[in-house]
Amino acid sequence: MPAGAPVVLAPGAYRLRLSRIDRALKLGDWVPFVLIVESSDGTRQEIPAQAEVRRRSALEDHRAGHLH
């Protein structure tokens, strides 16, 4: 990701990819992870998060709900 520039995690933009998953995942499972952000001076910030296993993004589900 570009240093010093804002990064937006959104549809059509940057995405996160989780690797080294140590178990089979099913729809609806939640996967905990830690996002590590490093500044130019080497300082690191660890941000705990979790992601739901889905076929589509939450935004796609939200938009589809408005079509019916």
Protein backbone atom coordinates (compact mmCIF):
# COMPACT_ATOMS: atom_id res chain seq x y z
CA MET A 1 0.00 0.00 0.00
CA PRO A 2 1.29 3.48 -0.70
CA ALA A 3 3.24 5.05 2.16
CA GLY A 4 1.79 8.28 3.52
CA ALA A 5 -1.42 8.09 1.52
CA PRO A 6 -4.85 7.30 2.96
CA VAL A 7 -6.02 3.77 2.25
CA VAL A 8 -9.71 2.98 1.95
CA LEU A 9 -10.88 -0.62 2.34
CA ALA A 10 -14.03 -0.50 0.23
CA PRO A 11 -15.65 -2.23 -2.75
CA GLY A 12 -13.50 -1.66 -5.80
CA ALA A 13 -10.56 -0.48 -3.65
CA TYR A 14 -7.91 -2.24 -1.58
CA ARG A 15 -8.86 -5.54 0.05
CA LEU A 16 -7.36 -7.62 2.81
CA ARG A 17 -6.47 -11.23 2.18
CA LEU A 18 -6.20 -13.62 5.07
CA SER A 19 -3.64 -16.39 4.67
CA ARG A 20 -2.54 -19.31 6.82
CA ILE A 21 -6.06 -20.16 7.92
CA ASP A 22 -5.66 -23.27 10.08
CA ARG A 23 -9.21 -24.65 9.82
CA ALA A 24 -12.01 -25.09 7.31
CA LEU A 25 -14.29 -22.07 7.28
CA LYS A 26 -18.08 -22.16 6.90
CA LEU A 27 -20.46 -19.38 5.97
CA GLY A 28 -21.25 -17.36 9.09
CA ASP A 29 -17.97 -18.19 10.87
CA TRP A 30 -16.01 -15.26 12.31
CA VAL A 31 -12.23 -15.09 11.80
CA PRO A 32 -10.22 -12.98 14.26
CA PHE A 33 -7.08 -11.26 12.98
CA VAL A 34 -4.73 -8.41 13.83
CA LEU A 35 -4.10 -5.61 11.35
CA ILE A 36 -0.59 -4.20 11.84
CA VAL A 37 0.03 -0.65 10.64
CA GLU A 38 3.62 0.57 10.52
CA SER A 39 4.50 4.27 10.30
CA SER A 40 7.51 5.71 8.52
CA ASP A 41 9.44 5.90 11.83
CA GLY A 42 8.93 2.15 12.36
CA THR A 43 6.30 2.53 15.06
CA ARG A 44 3.72 -0.25 14.83
CA GLN A 45 0.09 -0.21 15.83
CA GLU A 46 -1.81 -3.47 16.20
CA ILE A 47 -5.55 -3.29 15.55
CA PRO A 48 -7.55 -6.40 16.51
CA ALA A 49 -10.48 -7.12 14.20
CA GLN A 50 -12.64 -9.96 12.95
CA ALA A 51 -14.29 -10.79 9.64
CA GLU A 52 -17.40 -12.82 8.88
CA VAL A 53 -17.15 -15.56 6.25
CA ARG A 54 -19.59 -14.48 3.52
CA ARG A 55 -20.26 -15.11 -0.15
CA ARG A 56 -20.67 -11.37 -0.79
CA SER A 57 -19.70 -8.20 1.02
CA ALA A 58 -22.04 -6.62 3.56
CA LEU A 59 -22.51 -3.70 1.14
CA GLU A 60 -23.65 -6.07 -1.63
CA ASP A 61 -26.16 -7.67 0.75
CA HIS A 62 -27.42 -4.23 1.80
CA ARG A 63 -27.86 -3.12 -1.81
CA ALA A 64 -29.61 -6.39 -2.76
CA GLY A 65 -32.10 -5.85 0.06
CA HIS A 66 -33.20 -2.57 -1.48
CA LEU A 67 -33.92 -4.19 -4.84
CA HIS A 68 -36.82 -6.29 -3.48
